[in-house]
């Protein structure tokens, strides 16, 4: 019987150490290629975030009259006692509850229609729906501002032609301002439409064939095949929609110069943040508001990720 060969004690090497020359060269070139992104991330994201966090503990502003000093949690205490902070946050959340279902459902429904085999010229409709997305959004907002004008807008002109003698004041009535903003948002659903359409194209046709063999109609196929297979795309759209709506800013700024009219119903949190930074030039307090918005966005997205396992289906998981 052959005796066992003794194992000489030696230094253990970590996995991945001692890479072959080709692997080292590939790793080096990989770092070179991603270095512009790394530099950009450090210069324009990570470092500004750290600096803004430092600002929240100081009294820095653009018109620095008092000497720069550490103020501790004073900015956070002022923020907690500032009623305008919570009013603007409440306005943003109310609009989010109104707009998010539309922003998620409408592109999905239109994508279903464009994906239908009964539709002729689907490629033309895809181009028509996507074209407004490539037009500068500010130009689109100005166009919709004219179209929704109480006296000269073509929307109210059409309503008068069909017998509505007193059409709504879309942009100056608290009852109609949120529907108007959602209506303007339809202008930019082209990207979400393409994402939903790509998701529908990726559903295996065998699943629909099996459902039809089992006697499933269109609604049953939508419920048991389309929605489960599209749930990752819907979840993706939901996360992006939450982030976008909490940062809602450009449309009310262009429409009403950021005044919050009518009656403060468009005084969104990002508008208050913008005025704090650039109108009042309170850099430290503005940074504090920005971190509050970050915390609210992070909390909502964490809740959504926590609930995703209950309704989001991934084909590779059991």
C-alpha atoms as a PDB file:
ATOM      1  CA  UNK A   1       0.000   0.000   0.000  1.00  0.00           C
ATOM      2  CA  UNK A   2       1.406   3.338  -1.027  1.00  0.00           C
ATOM      3  CA  UNK A   3       1.843   5.713   1.921  1.00  0.00           C
ATOM      4  CA  UNK A   4       0.074   9.080   1.637  1.00  0.00           C
ATOM      5  CA  UNK A   5       2.105  11.898   0.260  1.00  0.00           C
ATOM      6  CA  UNK A   6       2.661  14.552   2.940  1.00  0.00           C
ATOM      7  CA  UNK A   7       1.347  18.030   2.154  1.00  0.00           C
ATOM      8  CA  UNK A   8       3.934  20.691   2.595  1.00  0.00           C
ATOM      9  CA  UNK A   9       2.747  23.723   4.484  1.00  0.00           C
ATOM     10  CA  UNK A  10       2.795  26.788   2.335  1.00  0.00           C
ATOM     11  CA  UNK A  11       1.130  30.116   1.824  1.00  0.00           C
ATOM     12  CA  UNK A  12      -2.427  29.875   0.550  1.00  0.00           C
ATOM     13  CA  UNK A  13      -3.261  32.050  -2.426  1.00  0.00           C
ATOM     14  CA  UNK A  14      -6.498  33.912  -2.615  1.00  0.00           C
ATOM     15  CA  UNK A  15      -8.788  33.061  -5.494  1.00  0.00           C
ATOM     16  CA  UNK A  16      -8.186  35.495  -8.319  1.00  0.00           C
ATOM     17  CA  UNK A  17      -4.632  36.311  -7.258  1.00  0.00           C
ATOM     18  CA  UNK A  18      -1.857  35.470  -9.624  1.00  0.00           C
ATOM     19  CA  UNK A  19      -3.896  36.261 -12.720  1.00  0.00           C
ATOM     20  CA  UNK A  20      -2.534  35.236 -16.047  1.00  0.00           C
ATOM     21  CA  UNK A  21      -0.953  38.028 -18.099  1.00  0.00           C
ATOM     22  CA  UNK A  22      -3.923  38.043 -20.501  1.00  0.00           C
ATOM     23  CA  UNK A  23      -6.404  38.370 -17.627  1.00  0.00           C
ATOM     24  CA  UNK A  24      -4.391  41.184 -16.042  1.00  0.00           C
ATOM     25  CA  UNK A  25      -4.243  42.996 -19.359  1.00  0.00           C
ATOM     26  CA  UNK A  26      -7.996  42.627 -19.834  1.00  0.00           C
ATOM     27  CA  UNK A  27      -8.640  43.895 -16.305  1.00  0.00           C
ATOM     28  CA  UNK A  28      -6.357  46.869 -16.900  1.00  0.00           C
ATOM     29  CA  UNK A  29      -8.091  47.779 -20.151  1.00  0.00           C
ATOM     30  CA  UNK A  30     -11.468  47.342 -18.474  1.00  0.00           C
ATOM     31  CA  UNK A  31     -10.510  49.869 -15.804  1.00  0.00           C
ATOM     32  CA  UNK A  32      -9.243  52.237 -18.484  1.00  0.00           C
ATOM     33  CA  UNK A  33     -12.514  52.048 -20.393  1.00  0.00           C
ATOM     34  CA  UNK A  34     -14.707  52.633 -17.324  1.00  0.00           C
ATOM     35  CA  UNK A  35     -12.422  55.316 -15.882  1.00  0.00           C
ATOM     36  CA  UNK A  36     -14.392  58.191 -17.518  1.00  0.00           C
ATOM     37  CA  UNK A  37     -17.527  56.934 -15.763  1.00  0.00           C
ATOM     38  CA  UNK A  38     -15.659  56.541 -12.473  1.00  0.00           C
ATOM     39  CA  UNK A  39     -14.272  60.082 -12.726  1.00  0.00           C
ATOM     40  CA  UNK A  40     -17.704  61.441 -13.637  1.00  0.00           C
ATOM     41  CA  UNK A  41     -19.386  59.560 -10.797  1.00  0.00           C
ATOM     42  CA  UNK A  42     -16.863  60.845  -8.268  1.00  0.00           C
ATOM     43  CA  UNK A  43     -16.825  64.423  -9.571  1.00  0.00           C
ATOM     44  CA  UNK A  44     -20.534  64.923 -10.259  1.00  0.00           C
ATOM     45  CA  UNK A  45     -22.326  62.499  -7.916  1.00  0.00           C
ATOM     46  CA  UNK A  46     -20.462  61.118  -4.915  1.00  0.00           C
ATOM     47  CA  UNK A  47     -18.350  64.145  -3.966  1.00  0.00           C
ATOM     48  CA  UNK A  48     -21.248  66.635  -4.401  1.00  0.00           C
ATOM     49  CA  UNK A  49     -23.433  64.376  -2.251  1.00  0.00           C
ATOM     50  CA  UNK A  50     -20.821  64.347   0.507  1.00  0.00           C
ATOM     51  CA  UNK A  51     -20.353  68.119   0.244  1.00  0.00           C
ATOM     52  CA  UNK A  52     -24.125  68.701   0.397  1.00  0.00           C
ATOM     53  CA  UNK A  53     -24.316  66.498   3.494  1.00  0.00           C
ATOM     54  CA  UNK A  54     -21.575  68.617   5.094  1.00  0.00           C
ATOM     55  CA  UNK A  55     -23.525  71.760   4.154  1.00  0.00           C
ATOM     56  CA  UNK A  56     -26.481  70.585   6.243  1.00  0.00           C
ATOM     57  CA  UNK A  57     -24.380  71.005   9.392  1.00  0.00           C
ATOM     58  CA  UNK A  58     -23.172  74.515   8.554  1.00  0.00           C
ATOM     59  CA  UNK A  59     -24.628  77.975   7.896  1.00  0.00           C
ATOM     60  CA  UNK A  60     -23.210  78.377   4.382  1.00  0.00           C
ATOM     61  CA  UNK A  61     -25.089  80.543   1.879  1.00  0.00           C
ATOM     62  CA  UNK A  62     -24.249  82.588  -1.211  1.00  0.00           C
ATOM     63  CA  UNK A  63     -24.486  85.888   0.669  1.00  0.00           C
ATOM     64  CA  UNK A  64     -22.259  84.850   3.523  1.00  0.00           C
ATOM     65  CA  UNK A  65     -22.666  87.643   6.078  1.00  0.00           C
ATOM     66  CA  UNK A  66     -22.015  85.620   9.215  1.00  0.00           C
ATOM     67  CA  UNK A  67     -18.776  83.655   9.477  1.00  0.00           C
ATOM     68  CA  UNK A  68     -18.958  80.068   8.320  1.00  0.00           C
ATOM     69  CA  UNK A  69     -19.529  77.827  11.315  1.00  0.00           C
ATOM     70  CA  UNK A  70     -20.756  74.427  12.392  1.00  0.00           C
ATOM     71  CA  UNK A  71     -24.403  74.611  13.516  1.00  0.00           C
ATOM     72  CA  UNK A  72     -25.055  70.953  14.283  1.00  0.00           C
ATOM     73  CA  UNK A  73     -28.650  69.873  13.729  1.00  0.00           C
ATOM     74  CA  UNK A  74     -30.060  73.396  13.564  1.00  0.00           C
ATOM     75  CA  UNK A  75     -30.997  73.114   9.878  1.00  0.00           C
ATOM     76  CA  UNK A  76     -32.794  69.829  10.516  1.00  0.00           C
ATOM     77  CA  UNK A  77     -34.670  71.343  13.466  1.00  0.00           C
ATOM     78  CA  UNK A  78     -35.700  74.318  11.295  1.00  0.00           C
ATOM     79  CA  UNK A  79     -36.843  71.939   8.581  1.00  0.00           C
ATOM     80  CA  UNK A  80     -38.988  69.903  10.985  1.00  0.00           C
ATOM     81  CA  UNK A  81     -40.661  73.106  12.171  1.00  0.00           C
ATOM     82  CA  UNK A  82     -41.108  74.599   8.701  1.00  0.00           C
ATOM     83  CA  UNK A  83     -44.768  74.215   7.616  1.00  0.00           C
ATOM     84  CA  UNK A  84     -43.942  74.997   3.977  1.00  0.00           C
ATOM     85  CA  UNK A  85     -41.671  71.950   3.835  1.00  0.00           C
ATOM     86  CA  UNK A  86     -44.471  69.589   4.772  1.00  0.00           C
ATOM     87  CA  UNK A  87     -47.076  71.419   2.689  1.00  0.00           C
ATOM     88  CA  UNK A  88     -44.926  71.131  -0.447  1.00  0.00           C
ATOM     89  CA  UNK A  89     -44.173  67.484   0.333  1.00  0.00           C
ATOM     90  CA  UNK A  90     -47.905  66.819   0.769  1.00  0.00           C
ATOM     91  CA  UNK A  91     -48.630  68.505  -2.585  1.00  0.00           C
ATOM     92  CA  UNK A  92     -46.017  66.291  -4.239  1.00  0.00           C
ATOM     93  CA  UNK A  93     -47.404  63.097  -2.716  1.00  0.00           C
ATOM     94  CA  UNK A  94     -50.999  64.010  -3.668  1.00  0.00           C
ATOM     95  CA  UNK A  95     -49.953  64.586  -7.252  1.00  0.00           C
ATOM     96  CA  UNK A  96     -47.955  61.341  -7.222  1.00  0.00           C
ATOM     97  CA  UNK A  97     -51.023  59.381  -6.113  1.00  0.00           C
ATOM     98  CA  UNK A  98     -52.992  60.952  -8.959  1.00  0.00           C
ATOM     99  CA  UNK A  99     -50.378  60.786 -11.714  1.00  0.00           C
ATOM    100  CA  UNK A 100     -48.525  57.516 -11.095  1.00  0.00           C
ATOM    101  CA  UNK A 101     -51.422  55.183 -12.039  1.00  0.00           C
ATOM    102  CA  UNK A 102     -51.845  57.109 -15.297  1.00  0.00           C
ATOM    103  CA  UNK A 103     -48.116  57.181 -16.072  1.00  0.00           C
ATOM    104  CA  UNK A 104     -47.825  53.412 -15.582  1.00  0.00           C
ATOM    105  CA  UNK A 105     -51.151  52.188 -16.970  1.00  0.00           C
ATOM    106  CA  UNK A 106     -51.398  54.301 -20.128  1.00  0.00           C
ATOM    107  CA  UNK A 107     -48.092  53.227 -21.758  1.00  0.00           C
ATOM    108  CA  UNK A 108     -48.925  49.603 -20.928  1.00  0.00           C
ATOM    109  CA  UNK A 109     -52.387  49.833 -22.516  1.00  0.00           C
ATOM    110  CA  UNK A 110     -51.054  51.566 -25.633  1.00  0.00           C
ATOM    111  CA  UNK A 111     -48.271  48.974 -25.897  1.00  0.00           C
ATOM    112  CA  UNK A 112     -50.925  46.222 -25.754  1.00  0.00           C
ATOM    113  CA  UNK A 113     -52.732  47.873 -28.651  1.00  0.00           C
ATOM    114  CA  UNK A 114     -49.540  48.296 -30.690  1.00  0.00           C
ATOM    115  CA  UNK A 115     -48.597  44.678 -30.032  1.00  0.00           C
ATOM    116  CA  UNK A 116     -51.935  43.363 -31.278  1.00  0.00           C
ATOM    117  CA  UNK A 117     -51.736  41.283 -34.477  1.00  0.00           C
ATOM    118  CA  UNK A 118     -54.984  42.937 -35.597  1.00  0.00           C
ATOM    119  CA  UNK A 119     -53.337  46.366 -35.836  1.00  0.00           C
ATOM    120  CA  UNK A 120     -52.072  47.384 -39.259  1.00  0.00           C
ATOM    121  CA  UNK A 121     -49.220  49.860 -39.563  1.00  0.00           C
ATOM    122  CA  UNK A 122     -48.023  49.317 -35.996  1.00  0.00           C
ATOM    123  CA  UNK A 123     -44.548  50.614 -36.838  1.00  0.00           C
ATOM    124  CA  UNK A 124     -46.001  53.949 -37.978  1.00  0.00           C
ATOM    125  CA  UNK A 125     -47.928  54.317 -34.733  1.00  0.00           C
ATOM    126  CA  UNK A 126     -44.801  53.473 -32.730  1.00  0.00           C
ATOM    127  CA  UNK A 127     -42.914  56.271 -34.457  1.00  0.00           C
ATOM    128  CA  UNK A 128     -45.788  58.730 -33.937  1.00  0.00           C
ATOM    129  CA  UNK A 129     -46.007  57.934 -30.228  1.00  0.00           C
ATOM    130  CA  UNK A 130     -42.244  58.206 -29.748  1.00  0.00           C
ATOM    131  CA  UNK A 131     -41.665  61.401 -31.759  1.00  0.00           C
ATOM    132  CA  UNK A 132     -42.808  63.825 -29.014  1.00  0.00           C
ATOM    133  CA  UNK A 133     -40.248  62.276 -26.662  1.00  0.00           C
ATOM    134  CA  UNK A 134     -37.340  63.535 -28.788  1.00  0.00           C
ATOM    135  CA  UNK A 135     -38.707  67.097 -28.895  1.00  0.00           C
ATOM    136  CA  UNK A 136     -37.316  69.359 -26.131  1.00  0.00           C
ATOM    137  CA  UNK A 137     -39.710  69.059 -23.242  1.00  0.00           C
ATOM    138  CA  UNK A 138     -39.797  72.791 -22.492  1.00  0.00           C
ATOM    139  CA  UNK A 139     -41.032  73.420 -26.026  1.00  0.00           C
ATOM    140  CA  UNK A 140     -43.738  70.825 -25.482  1.00  0.00           C
ATOM    141  CA  UNK A 141     -44.819  72.478 -22.223  1.00  0.00           C
ATOM    142  CA  UNK A 142     -45.126  75.859 -23.934  1.00  0.00           C
ATOM    143  CA  UNK A 143     -47.162  74.249 -26.713  1.00  0.00           C
ATOM    144  CA  UNK A 144     -49.534  72.650 -24.220  1.00  0.00           C
ATOM    145  CA  UNK A 145     -49.789  75.917 -22.298  1.00  0.00           C
ATOM    146  CA  UNK A 146     -51.174  77.487 -25.453  1.00  0.00           C
ATOM    147  CA  UNK A 147     -53.462  74.572 -26.257  1.00  0.00           C
ATOM    148  CA  UNK A 148     -54.958  74.588 -22.742  1.00  0.00           C
ATOM    149  CA  UNK A 149     -55.467  78.348 -22.654  1.00  0.00           C
ATOM    150  CA  UNK A 150     -58.929  79.294 -21.401  1.00  0.00           C
ATOM    151  CA  UNK A 151     -59.776  81.680 -24.267  1.00  0.00           C
ATOM    152  CA  UNK A 152     -57.622  80.733 -27.254  1.00  0.00           C
ATOM    153  CA  UNK A 153     -56.620  77.110 -26.609  1.00  0.00           C
ATOM    154  CA  UNK A 154     -57.869  74.627 -29.206  1.00  0.00           C
ATOM    155  CA  UNK A 155     -58.950  72.197 -26.460  1.00  0.00           C
ATOM    156  CA  UNK A 156     -61.572  74.633 -25.168  1.00  0.00           C
ATOM    157  CA  UNK A 157     -62.478  75.661 -28.710  1.00  0.00           C
ATOM    158  CA  UNK A 158     -63.293  72.045 -29.518  1.00  0.00           C
ATOM    159  CA  UNK A 159     -65.275  71.706 -26.277  1.00  0.00           C
ATOM    160  CA  UNK A 160     -67.328  74.776 -27.194  1.00  0.00           C
ATOM    161  CA  UNK A 161     -67.998  73.354 -30.649  1.00  0.00           C
ATOM    162  CA  UNK A 162     -69.478  70.185 -29.158  1.00  0.00           C
ATOM    163  CA  UNK A 163     -71.794  72.150 -26.880  1.00  0.00           C
ATOM    164  CA  UNK A 164     -69.825  72.781 -23.666  1.00  0.00           C
ATOM    165  CA  UNK A 165     -70.411  76.508 -23.212  1.00  0.00           C
ATOM    166  CA  UNK A 166     -68.308  76.889 -20.071  1.00  0.00           C
ATOM    167  CA  UNK A 167     -65.135  74.814 -20.532  1.00  0.00           C
ATOM    168  CA  UNK A 168     -62.729  74.467 -17.627  1.00  0.00           C
ATOM    169  CA  UNK A 169     -59.882  76.823 -16.884  1.00  0.00           C
ATOM    170  CA  UNK A 170     -57.335  74.018 -17.115  1.00  0.00           C
ATOM    171  CA  UNK A 171     -54.257  75.761 -15.737  1.00  0.00           C
ATOM    172  CA  UNK A 172     -55.799  78.140 -13.181  1.00  0.00           C
ATOM    173  CA  UNK A 173     -58.422  75.955 -11.512  1.00  0.00           C
ATOM    174  CA  UNK A 174     -57.437  73.750  -8.570  1.00  0.00           C
ATOM    175  CA  UNK A 175     -59.953  71.141  -9.734  1.00  0.00           C
ATOM    176  CA  UNK A 176     -58.399  70.764 -13.187  1.00  0.00           C
ATOM    177  CA  UNK A 177     -54.713  71.533 -12.658  1.00  0.00           C
ATOM    178  CA  UNK A 178     -53.694  67.939 -11.835  1.00  0.00           C
ATOM    179  CA  UNK A 179     -55.557  66.453 -14.825  1.00  0.00           C
ATOM    180  CA  UNK A 180     -53.899  69.144 -16.955  1.00  0.00           C
ATOM    181  CA  UNK A 181     -50.431  68.229 -15.680  1.00  0.00           C
ATOM    182  CA  UNK A 182     -51.148  64.538 -16.287  1.00  0.00           C
ATOM    183  CA  UNK A 183     -52.401  65.435 -19.766  1.00  0.00           C
ATOM    184  CA  UNK A 184     -49.151  67.291 -20.483  1.00  0.00           C
ATOM    185  CA  UNK A 185     -47.221  64.267 -19.175  1.00  0.00           C
ATOM    186  CA  UNK A 186     -48.706  62.114 -21.946  1.00  0.00           C
ATOM    187  CA  UNK A 187     -46.433  64.093 -24.274  1.00  0.00           C
ATOM    188  CA  UNK A 188     -43.390  62.237 -22.926  1.00  0.00           C
ATOM    189  CA  UNK A 189     -44.590  58.621 -22.557  1.00  0.00           C
ATOM    190  CA  UNK A 190     -42.684  57.489 -25.657  1.00  0.00           C
ATOM    191  CA  UNK A 191     -39.796  55.927 -23.718  1.00  0.00           C
ATOM    192  CA  UNK A 192     -42.129  54.074 -21.309  1.00  0.00           C
ATOM    193  CA  UNK A 193     -44.148  52.871 -24.294  1.00  0.00           C
ATOM    194  CA  UNK A 194     -41.056  51.387 -25.951  1.00  0.00           C
ATOM    195  CA  UNK A 195     -40.049  49.653 -22.699  1.00  0.00           C
ATOM    196  CA  UNK A 196     -43.502  48.100 -22.314  1.00  0.00           C
ATOM    197  CA  UNK A 197     -43.601  47.089 -25.958  1.00  0.00           C
ATOM    198  CA  UNK A 198     -40.202  45.406 -25.662  1.00  0.00           C
ATOM    199  CA  UNK A 199     -41.456  43.506 -22.619  1.00  0.00           C
ATOM    200  CA  UNK A 200     -44.538  42.306 -24.493  1.00  0.00           C
ATOM    201  CA  UNK A 201     -42.406  41.179 -27.435  1.00  0.00           C
ATOM    202  CA  UNK A 202     -40.304  39.120 -25.017  1.00  0.00           C
ATOM    203  CA  UNK A 203     -43.197  36.991 -23.749  1.00  0.00           C
ATOM    204  CA  UNK A 204     -42.933  33.493 -25.301  1.00  0.00           C
ATOM    205  CA  UNK A 205     -45.805  32.801 -27.689  1.00  0.00           C
ATOM    206  CA  UNK A 206     -45.953  29.215 -26.359  1.00  0.00           C
ATOM    207  CA  UNK A 207     -47.513  30.530 -23.161  1.00  0.00           C
ATOM    208  CA  UNK A 208     -50.394  32.084 -25.095  1.00  0.00           C
ATOM    209  CA  UNK A 209     -50.791  28.911 -27.155  1.00  0.00           C
ATOM    210  CA  UNK A 210     -51.006  26.805 -24.007  1.00  0.00           C
ATOM    211  CA  UNK A 211     -53.520  29.233 -22.490  1.00  0.00           C
ATOM    212  CA  UNK A 212     -55.725  29.090 -25.601  1.00  0.00           C
ATOM    213  CA  UNK A 213     -55.633  25.302 -25.558  1.00  0.00           C
ATOM    214  CA  UNK A 214     -56.860  25.442 -21.960  1.00  0.00           C
ATOM    215  CA  UNK A 215     -59.753  27.614 -23.108  1.00  0.00           C
ATOM    216  CA  UNK A 216     -58.481  30.981 -21.863  1.00  0.00           C
ATOM    217  CA  UNK A 217     -59.955  34.031 -23.537  1.00  0.00           C
ATOM    218  CA  UNK A 218     -58.292  37.406 -24.025  1.00  0.00           C
ATOM    219  CA  UNK A 219     -58.938  38.640 -20.498  1.00  0.00           C
ATOM    220  CA  UNK A 220     -57.765  35.355 -18.956  1.00  0.00           C
ATOM    221  CA  UNK A 221     -54.577  35.476 -21.042  1.00  0.00           C
ATOM    222  CA  UNK A 222     -54.018  39.070 -19.938  1.00  0.00           C
ATOM    223  CA  UNK A 223     -54.468  38.155 -16.281  1.00  0.00           C
ATOM    224  CA  UNK A 224     -52.617  34.846 -16.141  1.00  0.00           C
ATOM    225  CA  UNK A 225     -49.932  35.289 -18.831  1.00  0.00           C
ATOM    226  CA  UNK A 226     -49.337  38.921 -19.803  1.00  0.00           C
ATOM    227  CA  UNK A 227     -49.462  40.592 -16.388  1.00  0.00           C
ATOM    228  CA  UNK A 228     -47.253  38.032 -14.572  1.00  0.00           C
ATOM    229  CA  UNK A 229     -44.674  38.073 -17.372  1.00  0.00           C
ATOM    230  CA  UNK A 230     -44.782  41.879 -17.547  1.00  0.00           C
ATOM    231  CA  UNK A 231     -44.548  42.369 -13.783  1.00  0.00           C
ATOM    232  CA  UNK A 232     -40.749  43.045 -13.845  1.00  0.00           C
ATOM    233  CA  UNK A 233     -41.300  45.753 -16.476  1.00  0.00           C
ATOM    234  CA  UNK A 234     -44.198  47.232 -14.493  1.00  0.00           C
ATOM    235  CA  UNK A 235     -42.044  47.202 -11.362  1.00  0.00           C
ATOM    236  CA  UNK A 236     -39.234  48.935 -13.238  1.00  0.00           C
ATOM    237  CA  UNK A 237     -41.661  51.579 -14.512  1.00  0.00           C
ATOM    238  CA  UNK A 238     -43.053  52.026 -11.001  1.00  0.00           C
ATOM    239  CA  UNK A 239     -39.635  52.659  -9.469  1.00  0.00           C
ATOM    240  CA  UNK A 240     -38.679  55.167 -12.165  1.00  0.00           C
ATOM    241  CA  UNK A 241     -42.105  56.783 -11.903  1.00  0.00           C
ATOM    242  CA  UNK A 242     -41.775  57.256  -8.142  1.00  0.00           C
ATOM    243  CA  UNK A 243     -38.334  58.832  -8.512  1.00  0.00           C
ATOM    244  CA  UNK A 244     -39.505  61.107 -11.332  1.00  0.00           C
ATOM    245  CA  UNK A 245     -42.711  62.297  -9.676  1.00  0.00           C
ATOM    246  CA  UNK A 246     -40.983  63.073  -6.376  1.00  0.00           C
ATOM    247  CA  UNK A 247     -38.596  65.274  -8.374  1.00  0.00           C
ATOM    248  CA  UNK A 248     -41.424  66.888 -10.379  1.00  0.00           C
ATOM    249  CA  UNK A 249     -40.235  70.372 -11.209  1.00  0.00           C
ATOM    250  CA  UNK A 250     -39.960  71.498 -14.820  1.00  0.00           C
ATOM    251  CA  UNK A 251     -43.632  71.680 -15.850  1.00  0.00           C
ATOM    252  CA  UNK A 252     -44.897  73.872 -12.960  1.00  0.00           C
ATOM    253  CA  UNK A 253     -41.778  76.044 -13.252  1.00  0.00           C
ATOM    254  CA  UNK A 254     -42.453  76.722 -16.944  1.00  0.00           C
ATOM    255  CA  UNK A 255     -46.245  77.056 -16.656  1.00  0.00           C
ATOM    256  CA  UNK A 256     -46.454  79.432 -13.693  1.00  0.00           C
ATOM    257  CA  UNK A 257     -42.845  80.558 -13.169  1.00  0.00           C
ATOM    258  CA  UNK A 258     -42.734  78.425 -10.041  1.00  0.00           C
ATOM    259  CA  UNK A 259     -45.302  80.535  -8.176  1.00  0.00           C
ATOM    260  CA  UNK A 260     -47.308  77.498  -7.014  1.00  0.00           C
ATOM    261  CA  UNK A 261     -50.528  78.787  -8.593  1.00  0.00           C
ATOM    262  CA  UNK A 262     -53.373  78.081  -8.524  1.00  0.00           C
ATOM    263  CA  UNK A 263     -53.737  78.419  -4.733  1.00  0.00           C
ATOM    264  CA  UNK A 264     -50.494  76.598  -3.973  1.00  0.00           C
ATOM    265  CA  UNK A 265     -51.629  73.389  -5.672  1.00  0.00           C
ATOM    266  CA  UNK A 266     -48.438  73.272  -7.794  1.00  0.00           C
ATOM    267  CA  UNK A 267     -46.033  74.240  -5.020  1.00  0.00           C
ATOM    268  CA  UNK A 268     -44.132  70.988  -5.354  1.00  0.00           C
ATOM    269  CA  UNK A 269     -41.267  70.070  -3.071  1.00  0.00           C
ATOM    270  CA  UNK A 270     -38.646  70.496  -5.763  1.00  0.00           C
ATOM    271  CA  UNK A 271     -39.922  74.026  -6.465  1.00  0.00           C
ATOM    272  CA  UNK A 272     -39.526  74.905  -2.804  1.00  0.00           C
ATOM    273  CA  UNK A 273     -36.056  73.360  -2.897  1.00  0.00           C
ATOM    274  CA  UNK A 274     -35.195  75.372  -6.011  1.00  0.00           C
ATOM    275  CA  UNK A 275     -36.349  78.672  -4.485  1.00  0.00           C
ATOM    276  CA  UNK A 276     -34.485  77.940  -1.256  1.00  0.00           C
ATOM    277  CA  UNK A 277     -31.254  77.359  -3.155  1.00  0.00           C
ATOM    278  CA  UNK A 278     -31.368  80.000  -5.886  1.00  0.00           C
ATOM    279  CA  UNK A 279     -33.949  82.621  -4.856  1.00  0.00           C
ATOM    280  CA  UNK A 280     -33.248  82.784  -1.123  1.00  0.00           C
ATOM    281  CA  UNK A 281     -29.642  81.515  -1.561  1.00  0.00           C
ATOM    282  CA  UNK A 282     -29.798  79.424   1.598  1.00  0.00           C
ATOM    283  CA  UNK A 283     -27.384  76.699   0.566  1.00  0.00           C
ATOM    284  CA  UNK A 284     -27.247  74.873   3.890  1.00  0.00           C
ATOM    285  CA  UNK A 285     -31.024  74.749   4.345  1.00  0.00           C
ATOM    286  CA  UNK A 286     -31.501  73.789   0.697  1.00  0.00           C
ATOM    287  CA  UNK A 287     -29.067  70.919   1.139  1.00  0.00           C
ATOM    288  CA  UNK A 288     -31.078  69.800   4.168  1.00  0.00           C
ATOM    289  CA  UNK A 289     -34.269  69.780   2.082  1.00  0.00           C
ATOM    290  CA  UNK A 290     -32.474  67.805  -0.625  1.00  0.00           C
ATOM    291  CA  UNK A 291     -31.473  65.133   1.878  1.00  0.00           C
ATOM    292  CA  UNK A 292     -35.061  64.951   3.129  1.00  0.00           C
ATOM    293  CA  UNK A 293     -36.198  64.301  -0.443  1.00  0.00           C
ATOM    294  CA  UNK A 294     -33.488  61.655  -0.786  1.00  0.00           C
ATOM    295  CA  UNK A 295     -34.642  59.975   2.436  1.00  0.00           C
ATOM    296  CA  UNK A 296     -38.316  59.971   1.361  1.00  0.00           C
ATOM    297  CA  UNK A 297     -37.444  58.569  -2.082  1.00  0.00           C
ATOM    298  CA  UNK A 298     -35.198  55.910  -0.559  1.00  0.00           C
ATOM    299  CA  UNK A 299     -37.859  54.881   1.966  1.00  0.00           C
ATOM    300  CA  UNK A 300     -40.557  54.500  -0.696  1.00  0.00           C
ATOM    301  CA  UNK A 301     -38.308  52.530  -3.045  1.00  0.00           C
ATOM    302  CA  UNK A 302     -37.204  50.233  -0.218  1.00  0.00           C
ATOM    303  CA  UNK A 303     -40.858  49.537   0.608  1.00  0.00           C
ATOM    304  CA  UNK A 304     -41.547  48.770  -3.055  1.00  0.00           C
ATOM    305  CA  UNK A 305     -38.563  46.428  -3.260  1.00  0.00           C
ATOM    306  CA  UNK A 306     -39.708  44.751  -0.053  1.00  0.00           C
ATOM    307  CA  UNK A 307     -43.167  44.067  -1.477  1.00  0.00           C
ATOM    308  CA  UNK A 308     -41.905  43.116  -4.939  1.00  0.00           C
ATOM    309  CA  UNK A 309     -41.383  39.456  -4.039  1.00  0.00           C
ATOM    310  CA  UNK A 310     -45.146  39.119  -3.556  1.00  0.00           C
ATOM    311  CA  UNK A 311     -46.210  40.274  -7.013  1.00  0.00           C
ATOM    312  CA  UNK A 312     -43.183  40.464  -9.314  1.00  0.00           C
ATOM    313  CA  UNK A 313     -42.502  37.252 -11.225  1.00  0.00           C
ATOM    314  CA  UNK A 314     -39.100  36.449 -12.709  1.00  0.00           C
ATOM    315  CA  UNK A 315     -39.003  33.582 -15.179  1.00  0.00           C
ATOM    316  CA  UNK A 316     -35.632  32.332 -13.907  1.00  0.00           C
ATOM    317  CA  UNK A 317     -36.855  31.941 -10.324  1.00  0.00           C
ATOM    318  CA  UNK A 318     -38.824  29.104  -8.845  1.00  0.00           C
END
